[in-house]
Amino acid sequence: MLTRQERTPIIPEEESTTKYQIVINEDWCKGCGFCYTFCPREVLEKSTTFNTKGYYPPVATKIDRCVGCGLCEAICPDFAIHVEEKEIKSKTKTKTKSKKGEK
């Protein structure tokens, strides 16, 4: 049995070091709305512009809230969405070693 310290939360922390990008192929979308209806973090919204088929594809308006769960990708019947992990470049300062004898 796990103790309280060994358990991890099911819902990821609000701030994460990993960021995600939602790639939407607008021409494949038929505007069903499953992705923005069922997104647990409300990252996607209905677009205000038409695609080539005359449907309203989704738009990632709150991408900073995305936790990469992939529900939008899994629920899309047209395979028009996929989630990619973005590479984050950290801005850490590197310490320089001083030579012996220098003051």
PDB file of N, CA and C in Angstrom:
ATOM      1  N   MET A   1       0.843  -1.176   0.000  1.00  0.00           N
ATOM      2  CA  MET A   1       0.000   0.000   0.000  1.00  0.00           C
ATOM      3  C   MET A   1       0.889   1.241   0.000  1.00  0.00           C
ATOM      4  N   LEU A   2       0.528   2.199  -0.827  1.00  0.00           N
ATOM      5  CA  LEU A   2       1.313   3.425  -0.927  1.00  0.00           C
ATOM      6  C   LEU A   2       1.013   4.365   0.228  1.00  0.00           C
ATOM      7  N   THR A   3       2.055   5.000   0.697  1.00  0.00           N
ATOM      8  CA  THR A   3       1.853   6.015   1.727  1.00  0.00           C
ATOM      9  C   THR A   3       1.534   7.340   1.059  1.00  0.00           C
ATOM     10  N   ARG A   4       1.138   8.315   1.834  1.00  0.00           N
ATOM     11  CA  ARG A   4       0.746   9.616   1.311  1.00  0.00           C
ATOM     12  C   ARG A   4       1.892  10.276   0.536  1.00  0.00           C
ATOM     13  N   GLN A   5       3.140  10.128   0.958  1.00  0.00           N
ATOM     14  CA  GLN A   5       4.267  10.753   0.284  1.00  0.00           C
ATOM     15  C   GLN A   5       4.604  10.079  -1.041  1.00  0.00           C
ATOM     16  N   GLU A   6       4.284   8.800  -1.206  1.00  0.00           N
ATOM     17  CA  GLU A   6       4.620   8.067  -2.415  1.00  0.00           C
ATOM     18  C   GLU A   6       3.621   8.272  -3.542  1.00  0.00           C
ATOM     19  N   ARG A   7       2.428   8.768  -3.227  1.00  0.00           N
ATOM     20  CA  ARG A   7       1.404   8.961  -4.252  1.00  0.00           C
ATOM     21  C   ARG A   7       1.690  10.214  -5.069  1.00  0.00           C
ATOM     22  N   THR A   8       1.349  10.155  -6.330  1.00  0.00           N
ATOM     23  CA  THR A   8       1.494  11.323  -7.197  1.00  0.00           C
ATOM     24  C   THR A   8       0.108  11.776  -7.636  1.00  0.00           C
ATOM     25  N   PRO A   9      -0.075  13.072  -7.828  1.00  0.00           N
ATOM     26  CA  PRO A   9      -1.400  13.543  -8.235  1.00  0.00           C
ATOM     27  C   PRO A   9      -1.751  13.111  -9.655  1.00  0.00           C
ATOM     28  N   ILE A  10      -3.039  12.898  -9.891  1.00  0.00           N
ATOM     29  CA  ILE A  10      -3.500  12.514 -11.223  1.00  0.00           C
ATOM     30  C   ILE A  10      -3.447  13.710 -12.156  1.00  0.00           C
ATOM     31  N   ILE A  11      -3.842  14.872 -11.664  1.00  0.00           N
ATOM     32  CA  ILE A  11      -3.845  16.084 -12.473  1.00  0.00           C
ATOM     33  C   ILE A  11      -2.451  16.721 -12.373  1.00  0.00           C
ATOM     34  N   PRO A  12      -1.803  16.959 -13.509  1.00  0.00           N
ATOM     35  CA  PRO A  12      -0.464  17.565 -13.479  1.00  0.00           C
ATOM     36  C   PRO A  12      -0.495  18.949 -12.858  1.00  0.00           C
ATOM     37  N   GLU A  13       0.650  19.367 -12.361  1.00  0.00           N
ATOM     38  CA  GLU A  13       0.785  20.694 -11.773  1.00  0.00           C
ATOM     39  C   GLU A  13       0.461  21.764 -12.800  1.00  0.00           C
ATOM     40  N   GLU A  14       0.023  22.903 -12.330  1.00  0.00           N
ATOM     41  CA  GLU A  14      -0.350  24.018 -13.208  1.00  0.00           C
ATOM     42  C   GLU A  14       0.845  24.482 -14.030  1.00  0.00           C
ATOM     43  N   GLU A  15       1.987  24.639 -13.415  1.00  0.00           N
ATOM     44  CA  GLU A  15       3.192  25.076 -14.113  1.00  0.00           C
ATOM     45  C   GLU A  15       4.062  23.865 -14.399  1.00  0.00           C
ATOM     46  N   SER A  16       4.392  23.658 -15.632  1.00  0.00           N
ATOM     47  CA  SER A  16       5.283  22.560 -15.983  1.00  0.00           C
ATOM     48  C   SER A  16       6.402  23.091 -16.862  1.00  0.00           C
ATOM     49  N   THR A  17       7.506  22.376 -16.866  1.00  0.00           N
ATOM     50  CA  THR A  17       8.637  22.806 -17.679  1.00  0.00           C
ATOM     51  C   THR A  17       8.478  22.338 -19.117  1.00  0.00           C
ATOM     52  N   THR A  18       7.598  21.377 -19.341  1.00  0.00           N
ATOM     53  CA  THR A  18       7.349  20.888 -20.689  1.00  0.00           C
ATOM     54  C   THR A  18       6.183  21.658 -21.282  1.00  0.00           C
ATOM     55  N   LYS A  19       6.368  22.149 -22.476  1.00  0.00           N
ATOM     56  CA  LYS A  19       5.305  22.860 -23.165  1.00  0.00           C
ATOM     57  C   LYS A  19       4.911  22.068 -24.394  1.00  0.00           C
ATOM     58  N   TYR A  20       3.699  22.251 -24.826  1.00  0.00           N
ATOM     59  CA  TYR A  20       3.174  21.479 -25.939  1.00  0.00           C
ATOM     60  C   TYR A  20       2.662  22.392 -27.039  1.00  0.00           C
ATOM     61  N   GLN A  21       2.630  21.845 -28.229  1.00  0.00           N
ATOM     62  CA  GLN A  21       2.126  22.547 -29.389  1.00  0.00           C
ATOM     63  C   GLN A  21       1.037  21.676 -30.004  1.00  0.00           C
ATOM     64  N   ILE A  22      -0.103  22.277 -30.287  1.00  0.00           N
ATOM     65  CA  ILE A  22      -1.197  21.554 -30.916  1.00  0.00           C
ATOM     66  C   ILE A  22      -1.176  21.881 -32.401  1.00  0.00           C
ATOM     67  N   VAL A  23      -0.959  20.870 -33.213  1.00  0.00           N
ATOM     68  CA  VAL A  23      -0.891  21.042 -34.655  1.00  0.00           C
ATOM     69  C   VAL A  23      -2.245  20.638 -35.235  1.00  0.00           C
ATOM     70  N   ILE A  24      -2.869  21.578 -35.947  1.00  0.00           N
ATOM     71  CA  ILE A  24      -4.195  21.346 -36.511  1.00  0.00           C
ATOM     72  C   ILE A  24      -4.119  21.414 -38.030  1.00  0.00           C
ATOM     73  N   ASN A  25      -4.517  20.345 -38.687  1.00  0.00           N
ATOM     74  CA  ASN A  25      -4.612  20.341 -40.131  1.00  0.00           C
ATOM     75  C   ASN A  25      -6.026  20.813 -40.469  1.00  0.00           C
ATOM     76  N   GLU A  26      -6.162  22.092 -40.718  1.00  0.00           N
ATOM     77  CA  GLU A  26      -7.475  22.707 -40.902  1.00  0.00           C
ATOM     78  C   GLU A  26      -8.246  22.126 -42.088  1.00  0.00           C
ATOM     79  N   ASP A  27      -7.544  21.695 -43.124  1.00  0.00           N
ATOM     80  CA  ASP A  27      -8.224  21.167 -44.311  1.00  0.00           C
ATOM     81  C   ASP A  27      -8.861  19.794 -44.059  1.00  0.00           C
ATOM     82  N   TRP A  28      -8.384  19.061 -43.066  1.00  0.00           N
ATOM     83  CA  TRP A  28      -8.962  17.763 -42.742  1.00  0.00           C
ATOM     84  C   TRP A  28     -10.168  17.891 -41.811  1.00  0.00           C
ATOM     85  N   CYS A  29     -10.256  19.005 -41.099  1.00  0.00           N
ATOM     86  CA  CYS A  29     -11.295  19.190 -40.072  1.00  0.00           C
ATOM     87  C   CYS A  29     -12.680  19.342 -40.707  1.00  0.00           C
ATOM     88  N   LYS A  30     -13.665  18.661 -40.098  1.00  0.00           N
ATOM     89  CA  LYS A  30     -15.062  18.784 -40.543  1.00  0.00           C
ATOM     90  C   LYS A  30     -15.910  19.535 -39.527  1.00  0.00           C
ATOM     91  N   GLY A  31     -15.271  20.176 -38.547  1.00  0.00           N
ATOM     92  CA  GLY A  31     -15.972  21.042 -37.608  1.00  0.00           C
ATOM     93  C   GLY A  31     -16.904  20.351 -36.635  1.00  0.00           C
ATOM     94  N   CYS A  32     -16.597  19.146 -36.215  1.00  0.00           N
ATOM     95  CA  CYS A  32     -17.485  18.427 -35.297  1.00  0.00           C
ATOM     96  C   CYS A  32     -17.520  19.072 -33.909  1.00  0.00           C
ATOM     97  N   GLY A  33     -16.410  19.684 -33.502  1.00  0.00           N
ATOM     98  CA  GLY A  33     -16.355  20.366 -32.208  1.00  0.00           C
ATOM     99  C   GLY A  33     -15.996  19.494 -31.033  1.00  0.00           C
ATOM    100  N   PHE A  34     -15.697  18.215 -31.263  1.00  0.00           N
ATOM    101  CA  PHE A  34     -15.338  17.335 -30.153  1.00  0.00           C
ATOM    102  C   PHE A  34     -14.109  17.839 -29.409  1.00  0.00           C
ATOM    103  N   CYS A  35     -13.117  18.317 -30.135  1.00  0.00           N
ATOM    104  CA  CYS A  35     -11.844  18.704 -29.525  1.00  0.00           C
ATOM    105  C   CYS A  35     -12.021  19.852 -28.526  1.00  0.00           C
ATOM    106  N   TYR A  36     -12.710  20.903 -28.920  1.00  0.00           N
ATOM    107  CA  TYR A  36     -12.853  22.023 -27.985  1.00  0.00           C
ATOM    108  C   TYR A  36     -13.975  21.806 -26.973  1.00  0.00           C
ATOM    109  N   THR A  37     -14.884  20.899 -27.245  1.00  0.00           N
ATOM    110  CA  THR A  37     -15.932  20.598 -26.273  1.00  0.00           C
ATOM    111  C   THR A  37     -15.392  19.759 -25.119  1.00  0.00           C
ATOM    112  N   PHE A  38     -14.526  18.808 -25.428  1.00  0.00           N
ATOM    113  CA  PHE A  38     -14.053  17.883 -24.412  1.00  0.00           C
ATOM    114  C   PHE A  38     -12.658  18.170 -23.871  1.00  0.00           C
ATOM    115  N   CYS A  39     -11.998  19.212 -24.320  1.00  0.00           N
ATOM    116  CA  CYS A  39     -10.669  19.549 -23.787  1.00  0.00           C
ATOM    117  C   CYS A  39     -10.792  19.892 -22.306  1.00  0.00           C
ATOM    118  N   PRO A  40     -10.103  19.145 -21.428  1.00  0.00           N
ATOM    119  CA  PRO A  40     -10.247  19.384 -19.991  1.00  0.00           C
ATOM    120  C   PRO A  40      -9.645  20.708 -19.531  1.00  0.00           C
ATOM    121  N   ARG A  41      -8.765  21.292 -20.317  1.00  0.00           N
ATOM    122  CA  ARG A  41      -8.115  22.549 -19.926  1.00  0.00           C
ATOM    123  C   ARG A  41      -8.623  23.742 -20.736  1.00  0.00           C
ATOM    124  N   GLU A  42      -9.601  23.518 -21.604  1.00  0.00           N
ATOM    125  CA  GLU A  42     -10.205  24.564 -22.436  1.00  0.00           C
ATOM    126  C   GLU A  42      -9.157  25.327 -23.261  1.00  0.00           C
ATOM    127  N   VAL A  43      -8.264  24.568 -23.857  1.00  0.00           N
ATOM    128  CA  VAL A  43      -7.187  25.131 -24.673  1.00  0.00           C
ATOM    129  C   VAL A  43      -7.706  25.535 -26.056  1.00  0.00           C
ATOM    130  N   LEU A  44      -8.613  24.749 -26.601  1.00  0.00           N
ATOM    131  CA  LEU A  44      -9.105  24.965 -27.961  1.00  0.00           C
ATOM    132  C   LEU A  44     -10.442  25.704 -27.971  1.00  0.00           C
ATOM    133  N   GLU A  45     -10.626  26.473 -29.020  1.00  0.00           N
ATOM    134  CA  GLU A  45     -11.891  27.166 -29.253  1.00  0.00           C
ATOM    135  C   GLU A  45     -12.256  27.055 -30.723  1.00  0.00           C
ATOM    136  N   LYS A  46     -13.505  27.317 -31.015  1.00  0.00           N
ATOM    137  CA  LYS A  46     -13.989  27.306 -32.399  1.00  0.00           C
ATOM    138  C   LYS A  46     -13.436  28.528 -33.123  1.00  0.00           C
ATOM    139  N   SER A  47     -12.907  28.305 -34.312  1.00  0.00           N
ATOM    140  CA  SER A  47     -12.345  29.387 -35.114  1.00  0.00           C
ATOM    141  C   SER A  47     -13.460  30.295 -35.633  1.00  0.00           C
ATOM    142  N   THR A  48     -13.097  31.516 -35.990  1.00  0.00           N
ATOM    143  CA  THR A  48     -14.060  32.448 -36.578  1.00  0.00           C
ATOM    144  C   THR A  48     -13.961  32.472 -38.096  1.00  0.00           C
ATOM    145  N   THR A  49     -13.019  31.701 -38.642  1.00  0.00           N
ATOM    146  CA  THR A  49     -12.852  31.656 -40.101  1.00  0.00           C
ATOM    147  C   THR A  49     -13.102  30.238 -40.616  1.00  0.00           C
ATOM    148  N   PHE A  50     -13.535  30.138 -41.838  1.00  0.00           N
ATOM    149  CA  PHE A  50     -13.808  28.861 -42.478  1.00  0.00           C
ATOM    150  C   PHE A  50     -12.530  28.207 -42.988  1.00  0.00           C
ATOM    151  N   ASN A  51     -12.562  26.874 -43.099  1.00  0.00           N
ATOM    152  CA  ASN A  51     -11.498  26.176 -43.817  1.00  0.00           C
ATOM    153  C   ASN A  51     -11.947  25.994 -45.271  1.00  0.00           C
ATOM    154  N   THR A  52     -11.215  25.240 -46.056  1.00  0.00           N
ATOM    155  CA  THR A  52     -11.533  25.089 -47.481  1.00  0.00           C
ATOM    156  C   THR A  52     -12.837  24.327 -47.721  1.00  0.00           C
ATOM    157  N   LYS A  53     -13.282  23.549 -46.723  1.00  0.00           N
ATOM    158  CA  LYS A  53     -14.529  22.796 -46.856  1.00  0.00           C
ATOM    159  C   LYS A  53     -15.745  23.577 -46.340  1.00  0.00           C
ATOM    160  N   GLY A  54     -15.499  24.737 -45.742  1.00  0.00           N
ATOM    161  CA  GLY A  54     -16.593  25.542 -45.219  1.00  0.00           C
ATOM    162  C   GLY A  54     -16.937  25.276 -43.767  1.00  0.00           C
ATOM    163  N   TYR A  55     -16.042  24.586 -43.039  1.00  0.00           N
ATOM    164  CA  TYR A  55     -16.255  24.302 -41.624  1.00  0.00           C
ATOM    165  C   TYR A  55     -15.395  25.231 -40.774  1.00  0.00           C
ATOM    166  N   TYR A  56     -15.766  25.349 -39.503  1.00  0.00           N
ATOM    167  CA  TYR A  56     -14.981  26.126 -38.551  1.00  0.00           C
ATOM    168  C   TYR A  56     -14.018  25.184 -37.813  1.00  0.00           C
ATOM    169  N   PRO A  57     -12.741  25.202 -38.122  1.00  0.00           N
ATOM    170  CA  PRO A  57     -11.791  24.337 -37.413  1.00  0.00           C
ATOM    171  C   PRO A  57     -11.462  24.918 -36.038  1.00  0.00           C
ATOM    172  N   PRO A  58     -10.868  24.134 -35.167  1.00  0.00           N
ATOM    173  CA  PRO A  58     -10.479  24.657 -33.856  1.00  0.00           C
ATOM    174  C   PRO A  58      -9.227  25.528 -33.941  1.00  0.00           C
ATOM    175  N   VAL A  59      -9.051  26.345 -32.912  1.00  0.00           N
ATOM    176  CA  VAL A  59      -7.866  27.194 -32.779  1.00  0.00           C
ATOM    177  C   VAL A  59      -7.372  27.056 -31.341  1.00  0.00           C
ATOM    178  N   ALA A  60      -6.074  26.907 -31.168  1.00  0.00           N
ATOM    179  CA  ALA A  60      -5.489  26.827 -29.824  1.00  0.00           C
ATOM    180  C   ALA A  60      -5.287  28.248 -29.303  1.00  0.00           C
ATOM    181  N   THR A  61      -6.200  28.700 -28.448  1.00  0.00           N
ATOM    182  CA  THR A  61      -6.138  30.070 -27.946  1.00  0.00           C
ATOM    183  C   THR A  61      -5.432  30.176 -26.596  1.00  0.00           C
ATOM    184  N   LYS A  62      -5.441  29.101 -25.822  1.00  0.00           N
ATOM    185  CA  LYS A  62      -4.818  29.120 -24.491  1.00  0.00           C
ATOM    186  C   LYS A  62      -3.771  28.004 -24.409  1.00  0.00           C
ATOM    187  N   ILE A  63      -2.827  28.035 -25.330  1.00  0.00           N
ATOM    188  CA  ILE A  63      -1.852  26.956 -25.459  1.00  0.00           C
ATOM    189  C   ILE A  63      -0.981  26.799 -24.211  1.00  0.00           C
ATOM    190  N   ASP A  64      -0.809  27.837 -23.438  1.00  0.00           N
ATOM    191  CA  ASP A  64      -0.006  27.739 -22.216  1.00  0.00           C
ATOM    192  C   ASP A  64      -0.669  26.849 -21.160  1.00  0.00           C
ATOM    193  N   ARG A  65      -1.950  26.579 -21.301  1.00  0.00           N
ATOM    194  CA  ARG A  65      -2.667  25.717 -20.363  1.00  0.00           C
ATOM    195  C   ARG A  65      -2.596  24.240 -20.742  1.00  0.00           C
ATOM    196  N   CYS A  66      -2.096  23.935 -21.936  1.00  0.00           N
ATOM    197  CA  CYS A  66      -2.044  22.559 -22.426  1.00  0.00           C
ATOM    198  C   CYS A  66      -1.069  21.724 -21.600  1.00  0.00           C
ATOM    199  N   VAL A  67      -1.523  20.533 -21.190  1.00  0.00           N
ATOM    200  CA  VAL A  67      -0.680  19.615 -20.423  1.00  0.00           C
ATOM    201  C   VAL A  67      -0.284  18.394 -21.244  1.00  0.00           C
ATOM    202  N   GLY A  68      -0.646  18.382 -22.522  1.00  0.00           N
ATOM    203  CA  GLY A  68      -0.248  17.297 -23.410  1.00  0.00           C
ATOM    204  C   GLY A  68      -0.974  15.992 -23.172  1.00  0.00           C
ATOM    205  N   CYS A  69      -2.210  16.044 -22.705  1.00  0.00           N
ATOM    206  CA  CYS A  69      -2.948  14.805 -22.426  1.00  0.00           C
ATOM    207  C   CYS A  69      -3.292  14.045 -23.700  1.00  0.00           C
ATOM    208  N   GLY A  70      -3.417  14.755 -24.833  1.00  0.00           N
ATOM    209  CA  GLY A  70      -3.694  14.107 -26.107  1.00  0.00           C
ATOM    210  C   GLY A  70      -5.148  13.732 -26.328  1.00  0.00           C
ATOM    211  N   LEU A  71      -6.052  14.217 -25.469  1.00  0.00           N
ATOM    212  CA  LEU A  71      -7.465  13.897 -25.638  1.00  0.00           C
ATOM    213  C   LEU A  71      -8.006  14.447 -26.950  1.00  0.00           C
ATOM    214  N   CYS A  72      -7.613  15.651 -27.319  1.00  0.00           N
ATOM    215  CA  CYS A  72      -8.071  16.236 -28.581  1.00  0.00           C
ATOM    216  C   CYS A  72      -7.623  15.390 -29.764  1.00  0.00           C
ATOM    217  N   GLU A  73      -6.419  14.886 -29.688  1.00  0.00           N
ATOM    218  CA  GLU A  73      -5.874  14.027 -30.743  1.00  0.00           C
ATOM    219  C   GLU A  73      -6.628  12.702 -30.821  1.00  0.00           C
ATOM    220  N   ALA A  74      -6.931  12.140 -29.673  1.00  0.00           N
ATOM    221  CA  ALA A  74      -7.600  10.841 -29.628  1.00  0.00           C
ATOM    222  C   ALA A  74      -9.070  10.922 -30.029  1.00  0.00           C
ATOM    223  N   ILE A  75      -9.717  12.037 -29.736  1.00  0.00           N
ATOM    224  CA  ILE A  75     -11.152  12.159 -29.969  1.00  0.00           C
ATOM    225  C   ILE A  75     -11.494  12.648 -31.378  1.00  0.00           C
ATOM    226  N   CYS A  76     -10.526  13.180 -32.103  1.00  0.00           N
ATOM    227  CA  CYS A  76     -10.778  13.736 -33.432  1.00  0.00           C
ATOM    228  C   CYS A  76     -11.064  12.613 -34.435  1.00  0.00           C
ATOM    229  N   PRO A  77     -12.283  12.567 -34.997  1.00  0.00           N
ATOM    230  CA  PRO A  77     -12.604  11.494 -35.941  1.00  0.00           C
ATOM    231  C   PRO A  77     -11.940  11.665 -37.306  1.00  0.00           C
ATOM    232  N   ASP A  78     -11.420  12.859 -37.576  1.00  0.00           N
ATOM    233  CA  ASP A  78     -10.793  13.133 -38.871  1.00  0.00           C
ATOM    234  C   ASP A  78      -9.269  13.105 -38.821  1.00  0.00           C
ATOM    235  N   PHE A  79      -8.688  12.805 -37.655  1.00  0.00           N
ATOM    236  CA  PHE A  79      -7.233  12.777 -37.466  1.00  0.00           C
ATOM    237  C   PHE A  79      -6.601  14.110 -37.862  1.00  0.00           C
ATOM    238  N   ALA A  80      -7.295  15.200 -37.562  1.00  0.00           N
ATOM    239  CA  ALA A  80      -6.838  16.529 -37.962  1.00  0.00           C
ATOM    240  C   ALA A  80      -5.983  17.211 -36.896  1.00  0.00           C
ATOM    241  N   ILE A  81      -5.822  16.599 -35.734  1.00  0.00           N
ATOM    242  CA  ILE A  81      -5.074  17.216 -34.636  1.00  0.00           C
ATOM    243  C   ILE A  81      -4.026  16.242 -34.130  1.00  0.00           C
ATOM    244  N   HIS A  82      -2.846  16.778 -33.835  1.00  0.00           N
ATOM    245  CA  HIS A  82      -1.883  16.014 -33.050  1.00  0.00           C
ATOM    246  C   HIS A  82      -1.106  16.965 -32.149  1.00  0.00           C
ATOM    247  N   VAL A  83      -0.651  16.425 -31.033  1.00  0.00           N
ATOM    248  CA  VAL A  83       0.030  17.205 -30.006  1.00  0.00           C
ATOM    249  C   VAL A  83       1.510  16.888 -30.061  1.00  0.00           C
ATOM    250  N   GLU A  84       2.324  17.937 -30.090  1.00  0.00           N
ATOM    251  CA  GLU A  84       3.781  17.770 -30.110  1.00  0.00           C
ATOM    252  C   GLU A  84       4.381  18.427 -28.877  1.00  0.00           C
ATOM    253  N   GLU A  85       5.451  17.839 -28.407  1.00  0.00           N
ATOM    254  CA  GLU A  85       6.176  18.396 -27.282  1.00  0.00           C
ATOM    255  C   GLU A  85       7.170  19.426 -27.806  1.00  0.00           C
ATOM    256  N   LYS A  86       7.128  20.619 -27.236  1.00  0.00           N
ATOM    257  CA  LYS A  86       8.053  21.664 -27.666  1.00  0.00           C
ATOM    258  C   LYS A  86       9.319  21.614 -26.831  1.00  0.00           C
ATOM    259  N   GLU A  87      10.427  21.887 -27.468  1.00  0.00           N
ATOM    260  CA  GLU A  87      11.704  21.908 -26.776  1.00  0.00           C
ATOM    261  C   GLU A  87      11.868  23.256 -26.083  1.00  0.00           C
ATOM    262  N   ILE A  88      12.111  23.221 -24.786  1.00  0.00           N
ATOM    263  CA  ILE A  88      12.279  24.438 -24.000  1.00  0.00           C
ATOM    264  C   ILE A  88      13.770  24.645 -23.761  1.00  0.00           C
ATOM    265  N   LYS A  89      14.234  25.819 -24.126  1.00  0.00           N
ATOM    266  CA  LYS A  89      15.633  26.148 -23.882  1.00  0.00           C
ATOM    267  C   LYS A  89      15.724  26.906 -22.571  1.00  0.00           C
ATOM    268  N   SER A  90      16.481  26.348 -21.640  1.00  0.00           N
ATOM    269  CA  SER A  90      16.593  26.988 -20.333  1.00  0.00           C
ATOM    270  C   SER A  90      17.652  28.079 -20.377  1.00  0.00           C
ATOM    271  N   LYS A  91      17.415  29.097 -19.593  1.00  0.00           N
ATOM    272  CA  LYS A  91      18.337  30.218 -19.536  1.00  0.00           C
ATOM    273  C   LYS A  91      19.101  30.179 -18.209  1.00  0.00           C
ATOM    274  N   THR A  92      19.883  29.125 -18.035  1.00  0.00           N
ATOM    275  CA  THR A  92      20.652  28.995 -16.809  1.00  0.00           C
ATOM    276  C   THR A  92      22.023  29.602 -17.007  1.00  0.00           C
ATOM    277  N   LYS A  93      22.497  30.226 -15.970  1.00  0.00           N
ATOM    278  CA  LYS A  93      23.827  30.823 -16.021  1.00  0.00           C
ATOM    279  C   LYS A  93      24.852  29.755 -15.681  1.00  0.00           C
ATOM    280  N   THR A  94      25.923  29.751 -16.426  1.00  0.00           N
ATOM    281  CA  THR A  94      26.993  28.809 -16.145  1.00  0.00           C
ATOM    282  C   THR A  94      28.062  29.516 -15.332  1.00  0.00           C
ATOM    283  N   LYS A  95      28.541  28.816 -14.360  1.00  0.00           N
ATOM    284  CA  LYS A  95      29.591  29.390 -13.514  1.00  0.00           C
ATOM    285  C   LYS A  95      30.931  29.156 -14.174  1.00  0.00           C
ATOM    286  N   THR A  96      31.766  30.157 -14.155  1.00  0.00           N
ATOM    287  CA  THR A  96      33.107  30.002 -14.700  1.00  0.00           C
ATOM    288  C   THR A  96      34.060  29.695 -13.564  1.00  0.00           C
ATOM    289  N   LYS A  97      34.940  28.784 -13.830  1.00  0.00           N
ATOM    290  CA  LYS A  97      35.924  28.411 -12.813  1.00  0.00           C
ATOM    291  C   LYS A  97      37.075  29.394 -12.869  1.00  0.00           C
ATOM    292  N   SER A  98      37.502  29.809 -11.700  1.00  0.00           N
ATOM    293  CA  SER A  98      38.654  30.715 -11.664  1.00  0.00           C
ATOM    294  C   SER A  98      39.925  29.881 -11.592  1.00  0.00           C
ATOM    295  N   LYS A  99      40.958  30.396 -12.226  1.00  0.00           N
ATOM    296  CA  LYS A  99      42.230  29.697 -12.213  1.00  0.00           C
ATOM    297  C   LYS A  99      42.891  29.878 -10.864  1.00  0.00           C
ATOM    298  N   LYS A 100      43.675  28.891 -10.457  1.00  0.00           N
ATOM    299  CA  LYS A 100      44.376  28.970  -9.190  1.00  0.00           C
ATOM    300  C   LYS A 100      45.406  30.105  -9.262  1.00  0.00           C
ATOM    301  N   GLY A 101      45.486  30.836  -8.225  1.00  0.00           N
ATOM    302  CA  GLY A 101      46.450  31.919  -8.176  1.00  0.00           C
ATOM    303  C   GLY A 101      45.847  33.265  -8.576  1.00  0.00           C
ATOM    304  N   GLU A 102      44.667  33.263  -9.236  1.00  0.00           N
ATOM    305  CA  GLU A 102      44.019  34.528  -9.598  1.00  0.00           C
ATOM    306  C   GLU A 102      43.234  35.066  -8.429  1.00  0.00           C
ATOM    307  N   LYS A 103      43.203  36.344  -8.318  1.00  0.00           N
ATOM    308  CA  LYS A 103      42.454  36.977  -7.228  1.00  0.00           C
ATOM    309  C   LYS A 103      41.252  37.687  -7.743  1.00  0.00           C
TER     310      LYS A 103
END
